[in-house]
């Protein structure tokens, strides 16, 4: 918890967010041409699918200020030690 609170900036993209986008934010899907992305969740879901070729939830990515991945992204990781080591690996590559 200390790492998540003190060593990283945590950003959550909720792919199940059903709130409507404002009219000027609605865009056509790149994955399904002709379909419009009308909710916040659809927008984030497509971003994840395009950028990471997955729609796993949860999905964790550690990146630098230029959006370069610091280590390989991971999906749900129930083993605390494994997740801790993944965090430490990414953070060490940032510094």
N, C-alpha and C. Protein backbone atom coordinates (compact mmCIF):
# COMPACT_ATOMS: atom_id res chain seq x y z
N UNK A 1 0.83 -1.19 0.00
CA UNK A 1 0.00 0.00 0.00
C UNK A 1 0.87 1.25 0.00
N UNK A 2 1.99 1.21 0.74
CA UNK A 2 2.88 2.37 0.76
C UNK A 2 3.44 2.68 -0.62
N UNK A 3 3.75 1.64 -1.40
CA UNK A 3 4.25 1.85 -2.76
C UNK A 3 3.18 2.52 -3.61
N UNK A 4 1.96 2.02 -3.53
CA UNK A 4 0.88 2.57 -4.34
C UNK A 4 0.53 4.00 -3.95
N UNK A 5 0.72 4.33 -2.67
CA UNK A 5 0.41 5.68 -2.21
C UNK A 5 1.58 6.65 -2.39
N UNK A 6 2.82 6.14 -2.37
CA UNK A 6 3.95 7.05 -2.34
C UNK A 6 4.90 7.00 -3.51
N UNK A 7 4.91 5.90 -4.26
CA UNK A 7 5.92 5.74 -5.30
C UNK A 7 5.39 5.80 -6.73
N UNK A 8 4.10 5.73 -6.89
CA UNK A 8 3.51 5.76 -8.23
C UNK A 8 2.32 6.72 -8.25
N UNK A 9 1.98 7.15 -9.44
CA UNK A 9 0.73 7.90 -9.64
C UNK A 9 -0.26 6.88 -10.18
N UNK A 10 -1.30 6.64 -9.43
CA UNK A 10 -2.27 5.62 -9.79
C UNK A 10 -3.39 6.24 -10.61
N UNK A 11 -3.59 5.71 -11.80
CA UNK A 11 -4.66 6.17 -12.68
C UNK A 11 -5.52 4.96 -13.01
N UNK A 12 -6.81 5.10 -12.83
CA UNK A 12 -7.73 4.00 -13.11
C UNK A 12 -8.61 4.35 -14.29
N UNK A 13 -8.66 3.43 -15.24
CA UNK A 13 -9.54 3.59 -16.39
C UNK A 13 -10.65 2.55 -16.25
N UNK A 14 -11.84 3.00 -16.01
CA UNK A 14 -12.96 2.09 -15.76
C UNK A 14 -13.67 1.75 -17.07
N UNK A 15 -13.44 0.53 -17.56
CA UNK A 15 -14.04 0.13 -18.83
C UNK A 15 -15.52 -0.20 -18.70
N UNK A 16 -16.00 -0.28 -17.47
CA UNK A 16 -17.43 -0.56 -17.27
C UNK A 16 -18.20 0.71 -16.92
N UNK A 17 -17.59 1.87 -17.10
CA UNK A 17 -18.24 3.15 -16.79
C UNK A 17 -19.26 3.46 -17.89
N UNK A 18 -20.53 3.47 -17.53
CA UNK A 18 -21.60 3.66 -18.50
C UNK A 18 -22.02 5.12 -18.70
N UNK A 19 -21.28 6.03 -18.07
CA UNK A 19 -21.62 7.44 -18.27
C UNK A 19 -21.38 7.84 -19.73
N UNK A 20 -22.30 8.62 -20.25
CA UNK A 20 -22.24 9.05 -21.64
C UNK A 20 -21.14 10.09 -21.83
N UNK A 21 -20.47 10.00 -22.97
CA UNK A 21 -19.51 11.02 -23.36
C UNK A 21 -20.29 12.24 -23.86
N UNK A 22 -19.69 13.40 -23.75
CA UNK A 22 -20.29 14.61 -24.33
C UNK A 22 -20.27 14.46 -25.84
N UNK A 23 -21.20 15.10 -26.51
CA UNK A 23 -21.32 14.95 -27.97
C UNK A 23 -20.00 15.16 -28.70
N UNK A 24 -19.23 16.16 -28.29
CA UNK A 24 -17.97 16.44 -29.00
C UNK A 24 -16.86 15.42 -28.66
N UNK A 25 -17.10 14.53 -27.70
CA UNK A 25 -16.11 13.51 -27.33
C UNK A 25 -16.40 12.16 -28.00
N UNK A 26 -17.57 12.00 -28.57
CA UNK A 26 -17.95 10.75 -29.23
C UNK A 26 -17.14 10.59 -30.51
N UNK A 27 -16.51 9.41 -30.64
CA UNK A 27 -15.69 9.12 -31.82
C UNK A 27 -16.07 7.76 -32.40
N UNK A 28 -15.67 7.56 -33.63
CA UNK A 28 -15.90 6.27 -34.27
C UNK A 28 -14.87 5.26 -33.78
N UNK A 29 -15.31 4.05 -33.56
CA UNK A 29 -14.43 2.97 -33.13
C UNK A 29 -13.41 2.67 -34.22
N UNK A 30 -12.18 2.47 -33.81
CA UNK A 30 -11.13 2.05 -34.75
C UNK A 30 -11.17 0.54 -34.95
N UNK A 31 -11.73 -0.17 -33.97
CA UNK A 31 -11.81 -1.62 -34.06
C UNK A 31 -13.06 -2.10 -34.78
N UNK A 32 -14.11 -1.30 -34.68
CA UNK A 32 -15.38 -1.64 -35.33
C UNK A 32 -15.87 -0.42 -36.09
N UNK A 33 -15.28 -0.17 -37.27
CA UNK A 33 -15.69 1.01 -38.04
C UNK A 33 -17.20 1.06 -38.24
N UNK A 34 -17.74 2.27 -38.11
CA UNK A 34 -19.18 2.47 -38.21
C UNK A 34 -19.86 2.51 -36.86
N UNK A 35 -19.23 1.95 -35.85
CA UNK A 35 -19.77 1.98 -34.49
C UNK A 35 -19.18 3.18 -33.75
N UNK A 36 -20.02 3.89 -33.05
CA UNK A 36 -19.58 5.07 -32.32
C UNK A 36 -19.34 4.70 -30.86
N UNK A 37 -18.26 5.25 -30.29
CA UNK A 37 -17.95 5.05 -28.87
C UNK A 37 -18.65 6.16 -28.10
N UNK A 38 -19.70 5.80 -27.36
CA UNK A 38 -20.57 6.79 -26.72
C UNK A 38 -20.43 6.86 -25.21
N UNK A 39 -19.72 5.91 -24.61
CA UNK A 39 -19.56 5.94 -23.15
C UNK A 39 -18.09 6.01 -22.77
N UNK A 40 -17.84 6.46 -21.56
CA UNK A 40 -16.47 6.53 -21.05
C UNK A 40 -15.84 5.14 -21.06
N UNK A 41 -16.59 4.14 -20.62
CA UNK A 41 -16.07 2.78 -20.57
C UNK A 41 -15.69 2.24 -21.92
N UNK A 42 -16.50 2.50 -22.93
CA UNK A 42 -16.18 2.02 -24.29
C UNK A 42 -14.89 2.67 -24.79
N UNK A 43 -14.72 3.95 -24.48
CA UNK A 43 -13.51 4.67 -24.90
C UNK A 43 -12.27 4.03 -24.28
N UNK A 44 -12.30 3.77 -22.96
CA UNK A 44 -11.15 3.18 -22.29
C UNK A 44 -10.94 1.72 -22.70
N UNK A 45 -12.01 1.00 -22.91
CA UNK A 45 -11.90 -0.39 -23.32
C UNK A 45 -11.20 -0.50 -24.68
N UNK A 46 -11.58 0.38 -25.60
CA UNK A 46 -10.95 0.34 -26.92
C UNK A 46 -9.48 0.75 -26.83
N UNK A 47 -9.17 1.74 -26.01
CA UNK A 47 -7.78 2.15 -25.84
C UNK A 47 -6.94 0.97 -25.35
N UNK A 48 -7.43 0.25 -24.36
CA UNK A 48 -6.70 -0.90 -23.83
C UNK A 48 -6.55 -1.98 -24.90
N UNK A 49 -7.61 -2.25 -25.63
CA UNK A 49 -7.56 -3.29 -26.66
C UNK A 49 -6.56 -2.94 -27.76
N UNK A 50 -6.53 -1.67 -28.16
CA UNK A 50 -5.61 -1.25 -29.22
C UNK A 50 -4.17 -1.22 -28.73
N UNK A 51 -3.96 -0.61 -27.59
CA UNK A 51 -2.58 -0.40 -27.10
C UNK A 51 -1.96 -1.68 -26.55
N UNK A 52 -2.77 -2.53 -25.90
CA UNK A 52 -2.21 -3.70 -25.20
C UNK A 52 -2.74 -5.04 -25.71
N UNK A 53 -3.61 -5.00 -26.72
CA UNK A 53 -4.14 -6.22 -27.32
C UNK A 53 -4.81 -7.14 -26.29
N UNK A 54 -5.49 -6.53 -25.34
CA UNK A 54 -6.20 -7.30 -24.31
C UNK A 54 -7.33 -6.44 -23.76
N UNK A 55 -8.28 -7.09 -23.13
CA UNK A 55 -9.32 -6.35 -22.40
C UNK A 55 -9.49 -6.95 -21.00
N UNK A 56 -8.40 -7.49 -20.46
CA UNK A 56 -8.42 -8.09 -19.13
C UNK A 56 -8.70 -7.04 -18.06
N UNK A 57 -9.44 -7.47 -17.05
CA UNK A 57 -9.72 -6.59 -15.91
C UNK A 57 -9.50 -7.37 -14.63
N UNK A 58 -8.70 -6.86 -13.72
CA UNK A 58 -7.92 -5.63 -13.84
C UNK A 58 -6.69 -5.86 -14.72
N UNK A 59 -6.10 -4.76 -15.16
CA UNK A 59 -4.92 -4.80 -16.01
C UNK A 59 -4.00 -3.68 -15.54
N UNK A 60 -2.77 -4.03 -15.19
CA UNK A 60 -1.85 -3.07 -14.59
C UNK A 60 -0.69 -2.77 -15.54
N UNK A 61 -0.39 -1.47 -15.65
CA UNK A 61 0.70 -1.02 -16.51
C UNK A 61 1.52 0.01 -15.73
N UNK A 62 2.82 -0.15 -15.74
CA UNK A 62 3.72 0.86 -15.18
C UNK A 62 4.42 1.52 -16.36
N UNK A 63 4.29 2.84 -16.47
CA UNK A 63 4.89 3.55 -17.60
C UNK A 63 5.58 4.81 -17.12
N UNK A 64 6.48 5.31 -17.97
CA UNK A 64 7.18 6.55 -17.65
C UNK A 64 6.38 7.74 -18.16
N UNK A 65 6.96 8.92 -18.07
CA UNK A 65 6.27 10.15 -18.48
C UNK A 65 6.00 10.21 -19.98
N UNK A 66 6.68 9.37 -20.76
CA UNK A 66 6.49 9.33 -22.21
C UNK A 66 5.63 8.16 -22.64
N UNK A 67 4.93 7.55 -21.69
CA UNK A 67 4.04 6.41 -21.91
C UNK A 67 4.79 5.16 -22.39
N UNK A 68 6.07 5.05 -22.06
CA UNK A 68 6.84 3.85 -22.35
C UNK A 68 6.70 2.89 -21.17
N UNK A 69 6.34 1.65 -21.46
CA UNK A 69 6.20 0.66 -20.40
C UNK A 69 7.53 0.42 -19.71
N UNK A 70 7.50 0.37 -18.40
CA UNK A 70 8.71 0.12 -17.61
C UNK A 70 8.98 -1.36 -17.46
N UNK A 71 7.95 -2.17 -17.53
CA UNK A 71 8.06 -3.62 -17.51
C UNK A 71 6.81 -4.16 -18.21
N UNK A 72 6.70 -5.46 -18.30
CA UNK A 72 5.54 -6.04 -18.97
C UNK A 72 4.28 -5.83 -18.15
N UNK A 73 3.19 -5.37 -18.77
CA UNK A 73 1.92 -5.24 -18.05
C UNK A 73 1.45 -6.61 -17.56
N UNK A 74 0.64 -6.58 -16.51
CA UNK A 74 0.11 -7.82 -15.95
C UNK A 74 -1.39 -7.68 -15.69
N UNK A 75 -2.07 -8.80 -15.74
CA UNK A 75 -3.48 -8.85 -15.37
C UNK A 75 -3.55 -9.17 -13.87
N UNK A 76 -4.68 -9.63 -13.43
CA UNK A 76 -4.90 -9.97 -12.02
C UNK A 76 -3.76 -10.82 -11.49
N UNK A 77 -3.16 -10.39 -10.40
CA UNK A 77 -2.03 -11.09 -9.79
C UNK A 77 -2.33 -11.29 -8.30
N UNK A 78 -2.93 -12.43 -7.93
CA UNK A 78 -3.35 -12.63 -6.55
C UNK A 78 -2.20 -12.85 -5.57
N UNK A 79 -1.03 -13.26 -6.06
CA UNK A 79 0.11 -13.51 -5.19
C UNK A 79 0.75 -12.17 -4.82
N UNK A 80 0.70 -11.82 -3.55
CA UNK A 80 1.18 -10.53 -3.06
C UNK A 80 2.66 -10.33 -3.37
N UNK A 81 3.47 -11.34 -3.14
CA UNK A 81 4.91 -11.21 -3.38
C UNK A 81 5.20 -10.98 -4.87
N UNK A 82 4.49 -11.70 -5.71
CA UNK A 82 4.67 -11.55 -7.16
C UNK A 82 4.30 -10.13 -7.60
N UNK A 83 3.19 -9.63 -7.11
CA UNK A 83 2.75 -8.28 -7.46
C UNK A 83 3.73 -7.24 -6.91
N UNK A 84 4.18 -7.41 -5.68
CA UNK A 84 5.16 -6.52 -5.06
C UNK A 84 6.45 -6.47 -5.89
N UNK A 85 6.93 -7.63 -6.29
CA UNK A 85 8.16 -7.70 -7.10
C UNK A 85 7.97 -7.03 -8.45
N UNK A 86 6.79 -7.17 -9.04
CA UNK A 86 6.48 -6.51 -10.31
C UNK A 86 6.51 -5.00 -10.14
N UNK A 87 5.90 -4.51 -9.06
CA UNK A 87 5.93 -3.07 -8.78
C UNK A 87 7.37 -2.57 -8.60
N UNK A 88 8.14 -3.26 -7.78
CA UNK A 88 9.51 -2.84 -7.50
C UNK A 88 10.37 -2.85 -8.78
N UNK A 89 10.17 -3.86 -9.63
CA UNK A 89 10.92 -3.93 -10.88
C UNK A 89 10.64 -2.70 -11.75
N UNK A 90 9.37 -2.37 -11.92
CA UNK A 90 9.01 -1.22 -12.75
C UNK A 90 9.52 0.09 -12.18
N UNK A 91 9.37 0.25 -10.88
CA UNK A 91 9.80 1.48 -10.21
C UNK A 91 11.32 1.64 -10.34
N UNK A 92 12.06 0.55 -10.20
CA UNK A 92 13.52 0.64 -10.29
C UNK A 92 13.96 1.07 -11.71
N UNK A 93 13.20 0.71 -12.71
CA UNK A 93 13.53 1.11 -14.09
C UNK A 93 13.17 2.57 -14.36
N UNK A 94 12.31 3.13 -13.54
CA UNK A 94 11.93 4.53 -13.70
C UNK A 94 12.98 5.46 -13.14
N UNK A 95 13.59 5.07 -12.04
CA UNK A 95 14.53 5.95 -11.32
C UNK A 95 15.86 6.04 -11.96
